[in-house]
All heavy atoms as atom14 arrays in JSON, in Angstrom:
{
  "sequence": "QPKAASKAGRKPAPARHKARLMAKIEAMLATAGRPWAYADAMA",
  "atom14_mask": [
    [1, 1, 1, 1, 1, 1, 1, 1, 1, 0, 0, 0, 0, 0],
    [1, 1, 1, 1, 1, 1, 1, 0, 0, 0, 0, 0, 0, 0],
    [1, 1, 1, 1, 1, 1, 1, 1, 1, 0, 0, 0, 0, 0],
    [1, 1, 1, 1, 1, 0, 0, 0, 0, 0, 0, 0, 0, 0],
    [1, 1, 1, 1, 1, 0, 0, 0, 0, 0, 0, 0, 0, 0],
    [1, 1, 1, 1, 1, 1, 0, 0, 0, 0, 0, 0, 0, 0],
    [1, 1, 1, 1, 1, 1, 1, 1, 1, 0, 0, 0, 0, 0],
    [1, 1, 1, 1, 1, 0, 0, 0, 0, 0, 0, 0, 0, 0],
    [1, 1, 1, 1, 0, 0, 0, 0, 0, 0, 0, 0, 0, 0],
    [1, 1, 1, 1, 1, 1, 1, 1, 1, 1, 1, 0, 0, 0],
    [1, 1, 1, 1, 1, 1, 1, 1, 1, 0, 0, 0, 0, 0],
    [1, 1, 1, 1, 1, 1, 1, 0, 0, 0, 0, 0, 0, 0],
    [1, 1, 1, 1, 1, 0, 0, 0, 0, 0, 0, 0, 0, 0],
    [1, 1, 1, 1, 1, 1, 1, 0, 0, 0, 0, 0, 0, 0],
    [1, 1, 1, 1, 1, 0, 0, 0, 0, 0, 0, 0, 0, 0],
    [1, 1, 1, 1, 1, 1, 1, 1, 1, 1, 1, 0, 0, 0],
    [1, 1, 1, 1, 1, 1, 1, 1, 1, 1, 0, 0, 0, 0],
    [1, 1, 1, 1, 1, 1, 1, 1, 1, 0, 0, 0, 0, 0],
    [1, 1, 1, 1, 1, 0, 0, 0, 0, 0, 0, 0, 0, 0],
    [1, 1, 1, 1, 1, 1, 1, 1, 1, 1, 1, 0, 0, 0],
    [1, 1, 1, 1, 1, 1, 1, 1, 0, 0, 0, 0, 0, 0],
    [1, 1, 1, 1, 1, 1, 1, 1, 0, 0, 0, 0, 0, 0],
    [1, 1, 1, 1, 1, 0, 0, 0, 0, 0, 0, 0, 0, 0],
    [1, 1, 1, 1, 1, 1, 1, 1, 1, 0, 0, 0, 0, 0],
    [1, 1, 1, 1, 1, 1, 1, 1, 0, 0, 0, 0, 0, 0],
    [1, 1, 1, 1, 1, 1, 1, 1, 1, 0, 0, 0, 0, 0],
    [1, 1, 1, 1, 1, 0, 0, 0, 0, 0, 0, 0, 0, 0],
    [1, 1, 1, 1, 1, 1, 1, 1, 0, 0, 0, 0, 0, 0],
    [1, 1, 1, 1, 1, 1, 1, 1, 0, 0, 0, 0, 0, 0],
    [1, 1, 1, 1, 1, 0, 0, 0, 0, 0, 0, 0, 0, 0],
    [1, 1, 1, 1, 1, 1, 1, 0, 0, 0, 0, 0, 0, 0],
    [1, 1, 1, 1, 1, 0, 0, 0, 0, 0, 0, 0, 0, 0],
    [1, 1, 1, 1, 0, 0, 0, 0, 0, 0, 0, 0, 0, 0],
    [1, 1, 1, 1, 1, 1, 1, 1, 1, 1, 1, 0, 0, 0],
    [1, 1, 1, 1, 1, 1, 1, 0, 0, 0, 0, 0, 0, 0],
    [1, 1, 1, 1, 1, 1, 1, 1, 1, 1, 1, 1, 1, 1],
    [1, 1, 1, 1, 1, 0, 0, 0, 0, 0, 0, 0, 0, 0],
    [1, 1, 1, 1, 1, 1, 1, 1, 1, 1, 1, 1, 0, 0],
    [1, 1, 1, 1, 1, 0, 0, 0, 0, 0, 0, 0, 0, 0],
    [1, 1, 1, 1, 1, 1, 1, 1, 0, 0, 0, 0, 0, 0],
    [1, 1, 1, 1, 1, 0, 0, 0, 0, 0, 0, 0, 0, 0],
    [1, 1, 1, 1, 1, 1, 1, 1, 0, 0, 0, 0, 0, 0],
    [1, 1, 1, 1, 1, 0, 0, 0, 0, 0, 0, 0, 0, 0]
  ],
  "atom14_positions": [
    [[137.89, 103.66, 196.51], [138.39, 103.99, 195.19], [137.7, 103.09, 194.18], [137.93, 101.88, 194.18], [139.9, 103.8, 195.11], [140.66, 104.74, 196.01], [142.15, 104.5, 195.95], [142.62, 103.62, 195.26], [142.89, 105.3, 196.69], [0.0, 0.0, 0.0], [0.0, 0.0, 0.0], [0.0, 0.0, 0.0], [0.0, 0.0, 0.0], [0.0, 0.0, 0.0]],
    [[136.87, 103.67, 193.31], [136.18, 102.84, 192.31], [137.18, 102.24, 191.34], [138.2, 102.84, 191.02], [135.24, 103.82, 191.61], [135.75, 105.17, 191.92], [136.52, 105.07, 193.2], [0.0, 0.0, 0.0], [0.0, 0.0, 0.0], [0.0, 0.0, 0.0], [0.0, 0.0, 0.0], [0.0, 0.0, 0.0], [0.0, 0.0, 0.0], [0.0, 0.0, 0.0]],
    [[136.88, 101.03, 190.91], [137.75, 100.34, 189.96], [137.13, 100.4, 188.58], [135.91, 100.38, 188.43], [137.93, 98.88, 190.39], [138.67, 98.76, 191.7], [138.96, 97.33, 192.03], [139.9, 97.24, 193.19], [139.33, 97.06, 194.45], [0.0, 0.0, 0.0], [0.0, 0.0, 0.0], [0.0, 0.0, 0.0], [0.0, 0.0, 0.0], [0.0, 0.0, 0.0]],
    [[137.97, 100.44, 187.57], [137.49, 100.44, 186.19], [136.9, 99.07, 185.87], [137.3, 98.06, 186.44], [138.63, 100.75, 185.23], [0.0, 0.0, 0.0], [0.0, 0.0, 0.0], [0.0, 0.0, 0.0], [0.0, 0.0, 0.0], [0.0, 0.0, 0.0], [0.0, 0.0, 0.0], [0.0, 0.0, 0.0], [0.0, 0.0, 0.0], [0.0, 0.0, 0.0]],
    [[135.96, 99.07, 184.95], [135.36, 97.81, 184.53], [136.43, 96.91, 183.92], [137.38, 97.38, 183.3], [134.26, 98.07, 183.51], [0.0, 0.0, 0.0], [0.0, 0.0, 0.0], [0.0, 0.0, 0.0], [0.0, 0.0, 0.0], [0.0, 0.0, 0.0], [0.0, 0.0, 0.0], [0.0, 0.0, 0.0], [0.0, 0.0, 0.0], [0.0, 0.0, 0.0]],
    [[136.28, 95.62, 184.07], [137.3, 94.7, 183.58], [137.46, 94.77, 182.07], [138.53, 94.54, 181.54], [136.97, 93.27, 184.0], [135.72, 92.88, 183.47], [0.0, 0.0, 0.0], [0.0, 0.0, 0.0], [0.0, 0.0, 0.0], [0.0, 0.0, 0.0], [0.0, 0.0, 0.0], [0.0, 0.0, 0.0], [0.0, 0.0, 0.0], [0.0, 0.0, 0.0]],
    [[136.4, 95.12, 181.35], [136.5, 95.21, 179.9], [137.24, 96.46, 179.45], [137.59, 96.59, 178.29], [135.12, 95.16, 179.26], [134.25, 96.36, 179.53], [132.92, 96.25, 178.84], [132.08, 97.48, 179.12], [130.81, 97.44, 178.46], [0.0, 0.0, 0.0], [0.0, 0.0, 0.0], [0.0, 0.0, 0.0], [0.0, 0.0, 0.0], [0.0, 0.0, 0.0]],
    [[137.47, 97.4, 180.38], [138.1, 98.66, 180.01], [139.53, 98.46, 179.52], [140.01, 99.22, 178.71], [138.1, 99.62, 181.19], [0.0, 0.0, 0.0], [0.0, 0.0, 0.0], [0.0, 0.0, 0.0], [0.0, 0.0, 0.0], [0.0, 0.0, 0.0], [0.0, 0.0, 0.0], [0.0, 0.0, 0.0], [0.0, 0.0, 0.0], [0.0, 0.0, 0.0]],
    [[140.2, 97.43, 179.97], [141.58, 97.22, 179.58], [141.76, 96.24, 178.43], [142.86, 95.91, 178.07], [0.0, 0.0, 0.0], [0.0, 0.0, 0.0], [0.0, 0.0, 0.0], [0.0, 0.0, 0.0], [0.0, 0.0, 0.0], [0.0, 0.0, 0.0], [0.0, 0.0, 0.0], [0.0, 0.0, 0.0], [0.0, 0.0, 0.0], [0.0, 0.0, 0.0]],
    [[140.67, 95.79, 177.86], [140.74, 94.8, 176.79], [141.42, 95.39, 175.57], [141.04, 96.44, 175.08], [139.33, 94.34, 176.42], [139.33, 93.34, 175.29], [137.96, 93.22, 174.66], [137.45, 94.47, 174.14], [137.77, 94.98, 172.95], [138.61, 94.38, 172.17], [137.24, 96.11, 172.55], [0.0, 0.0, 0.0], [0.0, 0.0, 0.0], [0.0, 0.0, 0.0]],
    [[142.43, 94.72, 175.11], [143.14, 95.17, 173.93], [142.78, 94.26, 172.76], [142.93, 93.05, 172.85], [144.65, 95.14, 174.16], [145.44, 95.62, 172.99], [146.92, 95.59, 173.29], [147.69, 95.96, 172.05], [149.12, 95.89, 172.27], [0.0, 0.0, 0.0], [0.0, 0.0, 0.0], [0.0, 0.0, 0.0], [0.0, 0.0, 0.0], [0.0, 0.0, 0.0]],
    [[142.29, 94.83, 171.66], [141.93, 94.0, 170.52], [143.16, 93.36, 169.87], [144.27, 93.86, 169.98], [141.26, 94.96, 169.56], [141.54, 96.31, 170.03], [142.02, 96.23, 171.45], [0.0, 0.0, 0.0], [0.0, 0.0, 0.0], [0.0, 0.0, 0.0], [0.0, 0.0, 0.0], [0.0, 0.0, 0.0], [0.0, 0.0, 0.0], [0.0, 0.0, 0.0]],
    [[142.91, 92.25, 169.19], [143.98, 91.55, 168.46], [143.74, 91.79, 166.96], [142.96, 91.07, 166.35], [143.96, 90.08, 168.79], [0.0, 0.0, 0.0], [0.0, 0.0, 0.0], [0.0, 0.0, 0.0], [0.0, 0.0, 0.0], [0.0, 0.0, 0.0], [0.0, 0.0, 0.0], [0.0, 0.0, 0.0], [0.0, 0.0, 0.0], [0.0, 0.0, 0.0]],
    [[144.4, 92.8, 166.38], [144.12, 93.14, 164.99], [144.79, 92.19, 164.0], [145.76, 91.5, 164.33], [144.72, 94.53, 164.85], [145.85, 94.53, 165.83], [145.38, 93.69, 166.99], [0.0, 0.0, 0.0], [0.0, 0.0, 0.0], [0.0, 0.0, 0.0], [0.0, 0.0, 0.0], [0.0, 0.0, 0.0], [0.0, 0.0, 0.0], [0.0, 0.0, 0.0]],
    [[144.27, 92.2, 162.79], [144.92, 91.47, 161.7], [146.26, 92.15, 161.41], [146.46, 93.32, 161.73], [144.03, 91.48, 160.47], [0.0, 0.0, 0.0], [0.0, 0.0, 0.0], [0.0, 0.0, 0.0], [0.0, 0.0, 0.0], [0.0, 0.0, 0.0], [0.0, 0.0, 0.0], [0.0, 0.0, 0.0], [0.0, 0.0, 0.0], [0.0, 0.0, 0.0]],
    [[147.16, 91.43, 160.79], [148.52, 91.93, 160.56], [148.52, 93.28, 159.82], [149.26, 94.18, 160.19], [149.31, 90.91, 159.77], [150.71, 91.38, 159.43], [151.48, 90.32, 158.71], [152.19, 89.55, 159.72], [152.76, 88.39, 159.5], [152.68, 87.84, 158.33], [153.41, 87.77, 160.45], [0.0, 0.0, 0.0], [0.0, 0.0, 0.0], [0.0, 0.0, 0.0]],
    [[147.7, 93.44, 158.79], [147.72, 94.67, 158.01], [147.1, 95.85, 158.76], [147.28, 97.0, 158.36], [147.02, 94.46, 156.65], [145.54, 94.25, 156.75], [144.98, 93.09, 157.21], [144.51, 95.07, 156.43], [143.67, 93.19, 157.18], [143.35, 94.39, 156.71], [0.0, 0.0, 0.0], [0.0, 0.0, 0.0], [0.0, 0.0, 0.0], [0.0, 0.0, 0.0]],
    [[146.41, 95.59, 159.88], [145.81, 96.67, 160.67], [146.62, 96.99, 161.93], [146.33, 97.96, 162.61], [144.4, 96.27, 161.1], [143.41, 96.05, 159.99], [142.08, 95.67, 160.61], [141.08, 95.2, 159.59], [139.84, 94.77, 160.25], [0.0, 0.0, 0.0], [0.0, 0.0, 0.0], [0.0, 0.0, 0.0], [0.0, 0.0, 0.0], [0.0, 0.0, 0.0]],
    [[147.62, 96.19, 162.22], [148.33, 96.29, 163.49], [148.96, 97.66, 163.72], [148.89, 98.22, 164.82], [149.4, 95.21, 163.59], [0.0, 0.0, 0.0], [0.0, 0.0, 0.0], [0.0, 0.0, 0.0], [0.0, 0.0, 0.0], [0.0, 0.0, 0.0], [0.0, 0.0, 0.0], [0.0, 0.0, 0.0], [0.0, 0.0, 0.0], [0.0, 0.0, 0.0]],
    [[149.55, 98.23, 162.71], [150.22, 99.53, 162.85], [149.21, 100.63, 163.17], [149.45, 101.47, 164.04], [150.97, 99.83, 161.56], [152.04, 100.83, 161.73], [152.96, 100.79, 160.53], [153.95, 101.81, 160.68], [154.54, 102.42, 159.7], [154.26, 102.08, 158.46], [155.43, 103.34, 159.93], [0.0, 0.0, 0.0], [0.0, 0.0, 0.0], [0.0, 0.0, 0.0]],
    [[148.1, 100.61, 162.46], [147.06, 101.61, 162.69], [146.43, 101.44, 164.08], [146.16, 102.42, 164.77], [146.0, 101.49, 161.6], [145.06, 102.66, 161.38], [145.83, 103.97, 161.24], [144.24, 102.43, 160.13], [0.0, 0.0, 0.0], [0.0, 0.0, 0.0], [0.0, 0.0, 0.0], [0.0, 0.0, 0.0], [0.0, 0.0, 0.0], [0.0, 0.0, 0.0]],
    [[146.24, 100.19, 164.49], [145.69, 99.93, 165.82], [146.65, 100.39, 166.9], [146.23, 100.88, 167.95], [145.38, 98.44, 165.98], [144.21, 97.97, 165.15], [142.63, 98.62, 165.7], [142.27, 97.46, 166.97], [0.0, 0.0, 0.0], [0.0, 0.0, 0.0], [0.0, 0.0, 0.0], [0.0, 0.0, 0.0], [0.0, 0.0, 0.0], [0.0, 0.0, 0.0]],
    [[147.95, 100.28, 166.66], [148.94, 100.75, 167.63], [148.85, 102.27, 167.8], [148.97, 102.79, 168.91], [150.34, 100.34, 167.21], [0.0, 0.0, 0.0], [0.0, 0.0, 0.0], [0.0, 0.0, 0.0], [0.0, 0.0, 0.0], [0.0, 0.0, 0.0], [0.0, 0.0, 0.0], [0.0, 0.0, 0.0], [0.0, 0.0, 0.0], [0.0, 0.0, 0.0]],
    [[148.62, 102.98, 166.7], [148.46, 104.44, 166.77], [147.19, 104.8, 167.54], [147.2, 105.72, 168.35], [148.42, 105.02, 165.36], [149.74, 104.96, 164.65], [149.63, 105.53, 163.25], [150.94, 105.41, 162.49], [150.85, 105.97, 161.15], [0.0, 0.0, 0.0], [0.0, 0.0, 0.0], [0.0, 0.0, 0.0], [0.0, 0.0, 0.0], [0.0, 0.0, 0.0]],
    [[146.12, 104.07, 167.27], [144.87, 104.32, 167.98], [145.05, 104.04, 169.47], [144.6, 104.82, 170.32], [143.72, 103.47, 167.38], [143.38, 104.01, 165.98], [142.49, 103.48, 168.28], [142.41, 103.14, 165.2], [0.0, 0.0, 0.0], [0.0, 0.0, 0.0], [0.0, 0.0, 0.0], [0.0, 0.0, 0.0], [0.0, 0.0, 0.0], [0.0, 0.0, 0.0]],
    [[145.74, 102.97, 169.8], [146.01, 102.63, 171.2], [146.81, 103.74, 171.88], [146.5, 104.14, 173.01], [146.77, 101.32, 171.29], [147.09, 100.92, 172.71], [147.85, 99.61, 172.8], [148.41, 99.16, 171.78], [147.89, 99.05, 173.91], [0.0, 0.0, 0.0], [0.0, 0.0, 0.0], [0.0, 0.0, 0.0], [0.0, 0.0, 0.0], [0.0, 0.0, 0.0]],
    [[147.79, 104.28, 171.19], [148.6, 105.37, 171.76], [147.76, 106.61, 172.0], [147.9, 107.28, 173.04], [149.76, 105.69, 170.84], [0.0, 0.0, 0.0], [0.0, 0.0, 0.0], [0.0, 0.0, 0.0], [0.0, 0.0, 0.0], [0.0, 0.0, 0.0], [0.0, 0.0, 0.0], [0.0, 0.0, 0.0], [0.0, 0.0, 0.0], [0.0, 0.0, 0.0]],
    [[146.87, 106.91, 171.07], [146.02, 108.1, 171.23], [145.05, 107.92, 172.39], [144.79, 108.86, 173.15], [145.28, 108.39, 169.93], [146.24, 108.78, 168.82], [145.4, 109.4, 167.4], [145.15, 111.07, 167.94], [0.0, 0.0, 0.0], [0.0, 0.0, 0.0], [0.0, 0.0, 0.0], [0.0, 0.0, 0.0], [0.0, 0.0, 0.0], [0.0, 0.0, 0.0]],
    [[144.51, 106.71, 172.54], [143.62, 106.43, 173.67], [144.38, 106.54, 174.99], [143.87, 107.11, 175.95], [143.0, 105.03, 173.53], [141.97, 104.84, 172.43], [141.63, 103.37, 172.27], [140.72, 105.65, 172.69], [0.0, 0.0, 0.0], [0.0, 0.0, 0.0], [0.0, 0.0, 0.0], [0.0, 0.0, 0.0], [0.0, 0.0, 0.0], [0.0, 0.0, 0.0]],
    [[145.58, 106.0, 175.03], [146.38, 106.06, 176.26], [146.73, 107.49, 176.63], [146.65, 107.88, 177.8], [147.65, 105.24, 176.08], [0.0, 0.0, 0.0], [0.0, 0.0, 0.0], [0.0, 0.0, 0.0], [0.0, 0.0, 0.0], [0.0, 0.0, 0.0], [0.0, 0.0, 0.0], [0.0, 0.0, 0.0], [0.0, 0.0, 0.0], [0.0, 0.0, 0.0]],
    [[147.07, 108.29, 175.64], [147.39, 109.7, 175.9], [146.17, 110.44, 176.45], [146.31, 111.28, 177.33], [147.87, 110.38, 174.6], [149.02, 109.68, 174.12], [148.23, 111.84, 174.84], [0.0, 0.0, 0.0], [0.0, 0.0, 0.0], [0.0, 0.0, 0.0], [0.0, 0.0, 0.0], [0.0, 0.0, 0.0], [0.0, 0.0, 0.0], [0.0, 0.0, 0.0]],
    [[145.0, 110.1, 175.94], [143.77, 110.75, 176.4], [143.26, 110.15, 177.7], [142.33, 110.68, 178.3], [142.7, 110.64, 175.32], [0.0, 0.0, 0.0], [0.0, 0.0, 0.0], [0.0, 0.0, 0.0], [0.0, 0.0, 0.0], [0.0, 0.0, 0.0], [0.0, 0.0, 0.0], [0.0, 0.0, 0.0], [0.0, 0.0, 0.0], [0.0, 0.0, 0.0]],
    [[143.84, 109.02, 178.12], [143.39, 108.37, 179.34], [142.06, 107.67, 179.16], [141.26, 107.59, 180.09], [0.0, 0.0, 0.0], [0.0, 0.0, 0.0], [0.0, 0.0, 0.0], [0.0, 0.0, 0.0], [0.0, 0.0, 0.0], [0.0, 0.0, 0.0], [0.0, 0.0, 0.0], [0.0, 0.0, 0.0], [0.0, 0.0, 0.0], [0.0, 0.0, 0.0]],
    [[141.82, 107.16, 177.96], [140.54, 106.52, 177.66], [140.74, 105.03, 177.42], [141.74, 104.61, 176.88], [139.91, 107.17, 176.43], [139.56, 108.62, 176.7], [138.78, 109.21, 175.59], [138.32, 110.54, 175.96], [138.41, 111.59, 175.2], [138.94, 111.49, 174.0], [137.97, 112.76, 175.61], [0.0, 0.0, 0.0], [0.0, 0.0, 0.0], [0.0, 0.0, 0.0]],
    [[139.75, 104.21, 177.79], [139.85, 102.77, 177.6], [139.48, 102.35, 176.18], [138.94, 103.15, 175.4], [138.84, 102.21, 178.6], [137.8, 103.27, 178.66], [138.55, 104.58, 178.55], [0.0, 0.0, 0.0], [0.0, 0.0, 0.0], [0.0, 0.0, 0.0], [0.0, 0.0, 0.0], [0.0, 0.0, 0.0], [0.0, 0.0, 0.0], [0.0, 0.0, 0.0]],
    [[139.72, 101.1, 175.85], [139.33, 100.57, 174.53], [137.83, 100.64, 174.36], [137.33, 100.74, 173.23], [139.84, 99.15, 174.35], [141.25, 99.11, 173.88], [142.35, 98.82, 174.62], [141.73, 99.42, 172.56], [143.48, 98.92, 173.85], [143.13, 99.28, 172.57], [141.11, 99.79, 171.38], [143.91, 99.5, 171.46], [141.89, 100.01, 170.25], [143.27, 99.87, 170.31]],
    [[137.09, 100.58, 175.44], [135.62, 100.66, 175.34], [135.2, 101.99, 174.7], [134.18, 102.06, 174.02], [134.99, 100.51, 176.73], [0.0, 0.0, 0.0], [0.0, 0.0, 0.0], [0.0, 0.0, 0.0], [0.0, 0.0, 0.0], [0.0, 0.0, 0.0], [0.0, 0.0, 0.0], [0.0, 0.0, 0.0], [0.0, 0.0, 0.0], [0.0, 0.0, 0.0]],
    [[135.99, 103.04, 174.9], [135.69, 104.33, 174.27], [135.8, 104.21, 172.75], [134.94, 104.71, 172.02], [136.68, 105.39, 174.8], [136.45, 106.77, 174.25], [135.5, 107.61, 174.82], [137.17, 107.26, 173.16], [135.28, 108.88, 174.32], [136.96, 108.52, 172.65], [136.01, 109.33, 173.24], [135.79, 110.59, 172.74], [0.0, 0.0, 0.0], [0.0, 0.0, 0.0]],
    [[136.84, 103.53, 172.28], [136.99, 103.34, 170.84], [135.88, 102.45, 170.28], [135.4, 102.68, 169.17], [138.36, 102.73, 170.54], [0.0, 0.0, 0.0], [0.0, 0.0, 0.0], [0.0, 0.0, 0.0], [0.0, 0.0, 0.0], [0.0, 0.0, 0.0], [0.0, 0.0, 0.0], [0.0, 0.0, 0.0], [0.0, 0.0, 0.0], [0.0, 0.0, 0.0]],
    [[135.48, 101.43, 171.05], [134.36, 100.59, 170.63], [133.09, 101.42, 170.48], [132.32, 101.26, 169.54], [134.13, 99.45, 171.62], [135.19, 98.37, 171.56], [135.88, 98.26, 170.52], [135.34, 97.63, 172.55], [0.0, 0.0, 0.0], [0.0, 0.0, 0.0], [0.0, 0.0, 0.0], [0.0, 0.0, 0.0], [0.0, 0.0, 0.0], [0.0, 0.0, 0.0]],
    [[132.87, 102.34, 171.43], [131.68, 103.2, 171.36], [131.76, 104.13, 170.14], [130.74, 104.38, 169.48], [131.56, 104.02, 172.65], [0.0, 0.0, 0.0], [0.0, 0.0, 0.0], [0.0, 0.0, 0.0], [0.0, 0.0, 0.0], [0.0, 0.0, 0.0], [0.0, 0.0, 0.0], [0.0, 0.0, 0.0], [0.0, 0.0, 0.0], [0.0, 0.0, 0.0]],
    [[132.96, 104.63, 169.84], [133.11, 105.45, 168.64], [132.83, 104.66, 167.38], [132.18, 105.15, 166.45], [134.53, 106.04, 168.57], [134.78, 107.17, 169.54], [136.43, 107.9, 169.33], [136.26, 108.73, 167.77], [0.0, 0.0, 0.0], [0.0, 0.0, 0.0], [0.0, 0.0, 0.0], [0.0, 0.0, 0.0], [0.0, 0.0, 0.0], [0.0, 0.0, 0.0]],
    [[133.31, 103.41, 167.33], [133.07, 102.56, 166.17], [131.57, 102.32, 165.99], [131.05, 102.36, 164.88], [133.8, 101.23, 166.32], [0.0, 0.0, 0.0], [0.0, 0.0, 0.0], [0.0, 0.0, 0.0], [0.0, 0.0, 0.0], [0.0, 0.0, 0.0], [0.0, 0.0, 0.0], [0.0, 0.0, 0.0], [0.0, 0.0, 0.0], [0.0, 0.0, 0.0]]
  ]
}
């Protein structure tokens, strides 16, 4: 069973004013089954 890369689970630490938006992005990534690395690639 292949394992995901260790960086795949890295959760960013946003500034206070961005925290709510980052939480929404995190929820959308989780629903899609995608890691934070996917969002980094989009950025």
